[in-house]
Protein backbone atom coordinates (compact mmCIF):
# COMPACT_ATOMS: atom_id res chain seq x y z
CA MET A 1 24.66 -6.22 -7.33
CA THR A 2 26.19 -3.81 -4.78
CA ARG A 3 26.88 -0.45 -5.63
CA LEU A 4 30.00 0.10 -3.48
CA SER A 5 32.84 -2.26 -3.06
CA ARG A 6 32.77 -4.73 -0.01
CA SER A 7 35.43 -2.72 1.10
CA LYS A 8 34.19 1.13 0.99
CA LEU A 9 30.27 -0.70 2.04
CA TRP A 10 32.03 -2.04 5.48
CA ALA A 11 34.09 0.85 6.18
CA GLU A 12 30.88 3.36 5.68
CA PHE A 13 28.73 1.06 7.74
CA LEU A 14 31.06 1.13 10.70
CA GLN A 15 31.70 4.76 10.25
CA ARG A 16 27.71 5.21 10.35
CA LEU A 17 27.68 2.65 13.34
CA ALA A 18 30.17 4.01 15.58
CA SER A 19 28.85 8.02 15.13
CA GLU A 20 25.25 6.06 16.01
CA MET A 21 26.53 4.62 18.90
CA GLU A 22 29.29 7.19 20.45
CA PRO A 23 26.99 8.19 22.96
CA LEU A 24 26.80 4.67 24.51
CA ALA A 25 30.50 4.72 25.11
CA PRO A 26 34.14 5.38 23.20
CA MET A 27 34.65 3.84 20.17
CA LEU A 28 37.71 1.77 19.14
CA HIS A 29 37.38 1.20 14.88
CA GLN A 30 39.76 -1.38 14.16
CA GLY A 31 39.70 -2.45 10.41
CA ARG A 32 37.01 -4.80 9.89
CA ARG A 33 36.36 -4.73 13.73
CA LEU A 34 34.03 -2.08 16.26
CA VAL A 35 35.01 -1.94 20.36
CA TRP A 36 33.05 -0.38 22.82
CA ARG A 37 32.89 -0.92 26.89
CA GLN A 38 29.71 -1.33 28.76
CA GLY A 39 30.57 -1.12 32.16
CA GLU A 40 32.61 -4.36 32.76
CA TRP A 41 32.18 -5.64 29.61
CA LEU A 42 34.52 -5.09 26.49
CA ASN A 43 32.04 -5.43 23.35
CA TRP A 44 33.11 -5.80 19.51
CA VAL A 45 31.10 -5.98 16.43
CA THR A 46 32.79 -7.97 13.40
CA LEU A 47 31.95 -7.91 9.89
CA SER A 48 32.44 -11.00 7.81
CA ARG A 49 31.61 -11.60 4.07
CA HIS A 50 29.61 -14.52 4.13
CA SER A 51 29.93 -14.78 0.06
CA TRP A 52 30.58 -12.14 -2.53
CA PRO A 53 31.61 -12.32 -5.66
CA ASP A 54 35.08 -12.72 -6.66
CA ARG A 55 36.72 -14.03 -9.08
CA HIS A 56 36.45 -17.94 -8.09
CA PHE A 57 33.04 -17.05 -7.07
CA PRO A 58 31.49 -14.33 -9.61
CA GLU A 59 28.12 -15.46 -9.34
CA ALA A 60 28.01 -15.14 -5.38
CA PRO A 61 25.45 -12.57 -3.95
CA PRO A 62 26.83 -9.94 -2.20
CA VAL A 63 26.06 -11.10 1.85
CA THR A 64 27.77 -9.81 5.08
CA ARG A 65 27.70 -11.18 8.17
CA ILE A 66 27.24 -8.68 11.30
CA SER A 67 28.70 -10.62 14.54
CA MET A 68 28.04 -8.66 17.76
CA ASN A 69 30.22 -10.47 20.37
CA ARG A 70 30.92 -13.80 18.63
CA PHE A 71 34.20 -15.88 17.70
CA ILE A 72 37.51 -15.32 19.37
CA PHE A 73 39.17 -11.63 20.21
CA GLU A 74 41.99 -11.12 21.91
CA PRO A 75 42.81 -7.49 22.77
CA SER A 76 45.85 -6.30 23.06
CA GLU A 77 46.89 -5.08 26.85
CA ALA A 78 46.67 -1.87 25.08
CA MET A 79 43.46 -1.98 24.43
CA LEU A 80 42.65 -2.92 27.46
CA ARG A 81 44.40 0.07 28.93
CA ARG A 82 42.47 2.44 26.82
CA PHE A 83 39.20 0.96 27.60
CA GLY A 84 40.00 1.44 31.38
CA PHE A 85 41.08 -2.30 31.61
CA SER A 86 43.75 -3.34 33.42
CA GLY A 87 45.17 -6.34 35.82
CA VAL A 88 41.42 -8.45 35.53
CA GLY A 89 40.61 -11.38 33.00
CA LEU A 90 39.79 -11.01 29.87
CA PRO A 91 36.06 -9.10 30.00
CA LEU A 92 34.86 -10.09 26.68
CA GLY A 93 31.38 -9.62 25.31
CA GLU A 94 28.07 -8.83 27.11
CA ARG A 95 26.43 -12.14 26.70
CA ARG A 96 22.62 -10.67 25.85
CA LEU A 97 24.50 -8.92 22.81
CA ARG A 98 25.69 -11.97 21.20
CA LEU A 99 24.32 -12.06 17.68
CA GLU A 100 24.72 -13.13 14.61
CA TRP A 101 22.73 -11.22 11.56
CA THR A 102 23.54 -11.98 7.65
CA VAL A 103 22.43 -9.01 5.40
CA TYR A 104 22.41 -8.15 1.76
CA GLY A 105 24.63 -5.93 0.33
CA GLU A 106 23.54 -2.67 0.90
CA GLU A 107 20.93 -3.59 3.43
CA LEU A 108 23.89 -3.46 5.89
CA LEU A 109 23.97 0.39 5.92
CA ALA A 110 20.63 0.59 7.60
CA PHE A 111 21.63 -1.45 10.16
CA ALA A 112 23.75 0.80 11.34
CA SER A 113 20.88 3.02 13.21
CA TRP A 114 19.08 -0.45 13.77
CA LEU A 115 22.08 -2.06 15.84
CA PRO A 116 22.28 0.38 18.89
CA LEU A 117 18.45 0.38 19.28
CA LEU A 118 18.53 -3.15 19.21
CA ILE A 119 21.88 -3.22 21.89
CA ARG A 120 19.53 -0.56 23.89
CA GLY A 121 16.93 -3.15 24.33
CA ARG A 122 19.15 -5.65 25.02
CA LEU A 123 20.35 -4.42 27.69
CA ASN A 124 17.17 -2.45 29.36
CA ALA A 125 14.75 -4.28 28.76
CA THR A 126 12.33 -1.01 29.22
CA GLU A 127 13.72 -0.04 25.71
CA PRO A 128 11.58 -1.35 23.00
CA ILE A 129 13.57 -2.97 20.30
CA PRO A 130 11.78 -1.83 16.53
CA LEU A 131 11.55 -4.26 13.50
CA PRO A 132 14.85 -4.47 11.84
CA PRO A 133 15.58 -2.05 8.74
CA HIS A 134 15.07 -5.13 6.31
CA PRO A 135 12.60 -7.95 6.78
CA SER A 136 14.68 -10.68 8.56
CA HIS A 137 14.20 -14.12 9.43
CA VAL A 138 14.81 -14.40 13.09
CA PHE A 139 15.48 -17.81 14.88
CA ASN A 140 15.32 -19.36 18.19
CA GLY A 141 12.99 -16.25 19.65
CA GLY A 142 12.18 -12.58 19.50
CA LEU A 143 14.59 -9.95 19.10
CA ARG A 144 15.20 -9.32 22.64
CA LYS A 145 16.30 -13.19 22.80
CA THR A 146 17.54 -14.50 19.00
CA SER A 147 21.22 -14.83 18.63
CA TYR A 148 20.84 -15.78 14.49
CA ALA A 149 18.88 -13.90 11.76
CA TRP A 150 18.62 -12.97 8.03
CA THR A 151 17.69 -10.44 6.32
CA ALA A 152 14.79 -12.45 4.03
CA THR A 153 16.72 -11.28 0.37
CA ALA A 154 19.71 -12.27 1.53
CA TRP A 155 18.42 -16.07 2.95
CA GLU A 156 16.88 -16.30 -0.24
CA ALA A 157 19.86 -14.90 -2.48
CA TYR A 158 22.01 -17.18 -1.04
CA ALA A 159 19.86 -20.24 -1.08
CA ARG A 160 19.29 -19.60 -4.86
CA TRP A 161 23.37 -19.33 -5.83
CA LYS A 162 24.18 -22.63 -3.44
CA ARG A 163 20.51 -23.90 -5.54
CA THR A 164 19.65 -25.04 -2.07
CA ASP A 165 15.75 -25.28 -0.88
CA ALA A 166 14.98 -21.85 0.66
CA SER A 167 11.92 -23.17 3.06
CA LEU A 168 13.17 -21.97 6.94
CA PRO A 169 14.00 -24.51 9.44
CA CYS A 170 11.13 -24.84 12.11
CA VAL A 171 13.12 -22.84 14.95
CA ALA A 172 12.97 -19.76 12.64
CA ILE A 173 10.49 -17.05 12.36
CA PRO A 174 9.60 -15.94 9.00
CA ALA A 175 10.60 -12.22 8.21
CA GLY A 176 6.06 -11.70 8.17
CA ARG A 177 5.86 -13.20 11.59
CA VAL A 178 8.86 -11.12 13.64
CA LYS A 179 7.70 -8.79 16.25
CA PRO A 180 8.72 -5.61 17.31
CA ALA A 181 9.94 -5.94 21.11
CA ARG A 182 7.76 -3.79 23.28
CA ALA A 183 9.47 -2.05 25.98
CA LEU A 184 8.39 -3.60 29.46
CA THR A 185 7.45 -1.45 31.97
CA ARG A 186 7.64 -2.03 35.93
CA THR A 187 4.33 -1.82 37.83
CA LEU A 188 4.62 0.30 40.80
CA ARG A 189 2.65 -1.00 43.97
CA LEU A 190 1.86 1.13 46.36
CA PRO A 191 1.30 0.15 50.33
CA HIS A 192 -2.77 -0.37 51.22
């Protein structure tokens, strides 16, 4: 069981994430969401409860889903102006950053420092992406491409609670086989 309440845990994660990302771009913390501008895109990270102990499901595991640039998000005109967008269509979400990562309990806090590394590596292939802070099953491609992942602990705890098979589908890379994404280097060709 997690030591922090869900609201305190989420607030701590978003605060840490904002401080880690601040050099990248100005942030706007909005409840369960962190919003920032990256070039011509308005990006966001939202936290949602995948399962959590409550009075209806006291045995539910504390599992949080980190969603980046997923689902519908309609920023207000004031927010768009604050980020310097005016008179344009909705500049929503850099596609390379679309992602859902499901984590167990306080594993969430370690992702606040890692997520900016993932973002940098996804936006710039010359930046490496290290392994996530907790062993994770990655679906449909490696760290540079995946749009869906679970920490191994969250996957197993959720399957146990739901009394379902914890084996991974064939599109998943098991946590033990996930590799860091190396930085790609450009080869310089000199004239002969």
